């Protein structure tokens, strides 16, 4: 009855934990007993070595000891948002407080792109924003942005 941990892959680049969050250090993925080739040290009150099936399972039922992929590290990204005045007629009066709002929820990868969008709207400005994202940015609009 193995196969109940689809969130475990041997080639995961960010390491592994147990299902209940304990740190795991894999010693070998092939040298353990035939049915349980993965040998790993699991942290807890004390470190203990355990064997696992190829799919990361510890037993025939879901277990706190099952191996899962550790979360990908979060990445800080610098993007730009466009902020526009909510009422353009208020811009004519320098003594009035102008309410500002987000033009859209888009975060642009570069200041140049945000400035271009802002120029299309009278009174809009582009401001930098730091944003934390999970995992890989490839394929996202922020892929080309500044990463920290």
Foldseek 3Di string as FASTA:
>chain_A
DDDPAPQDDPPQPQAKAFQLGWHKDWPFLACDPPQFRIWIWTDDPHTDIATHGNRQDRDPDRDSRRIGRDWADKWKFKWKFKKAFPDVVCVVDPPDDTDIDGPDPDTAQDLVVNVVVQVVGPRMHIDIDIDIGTDDCPPHRNNNHDID
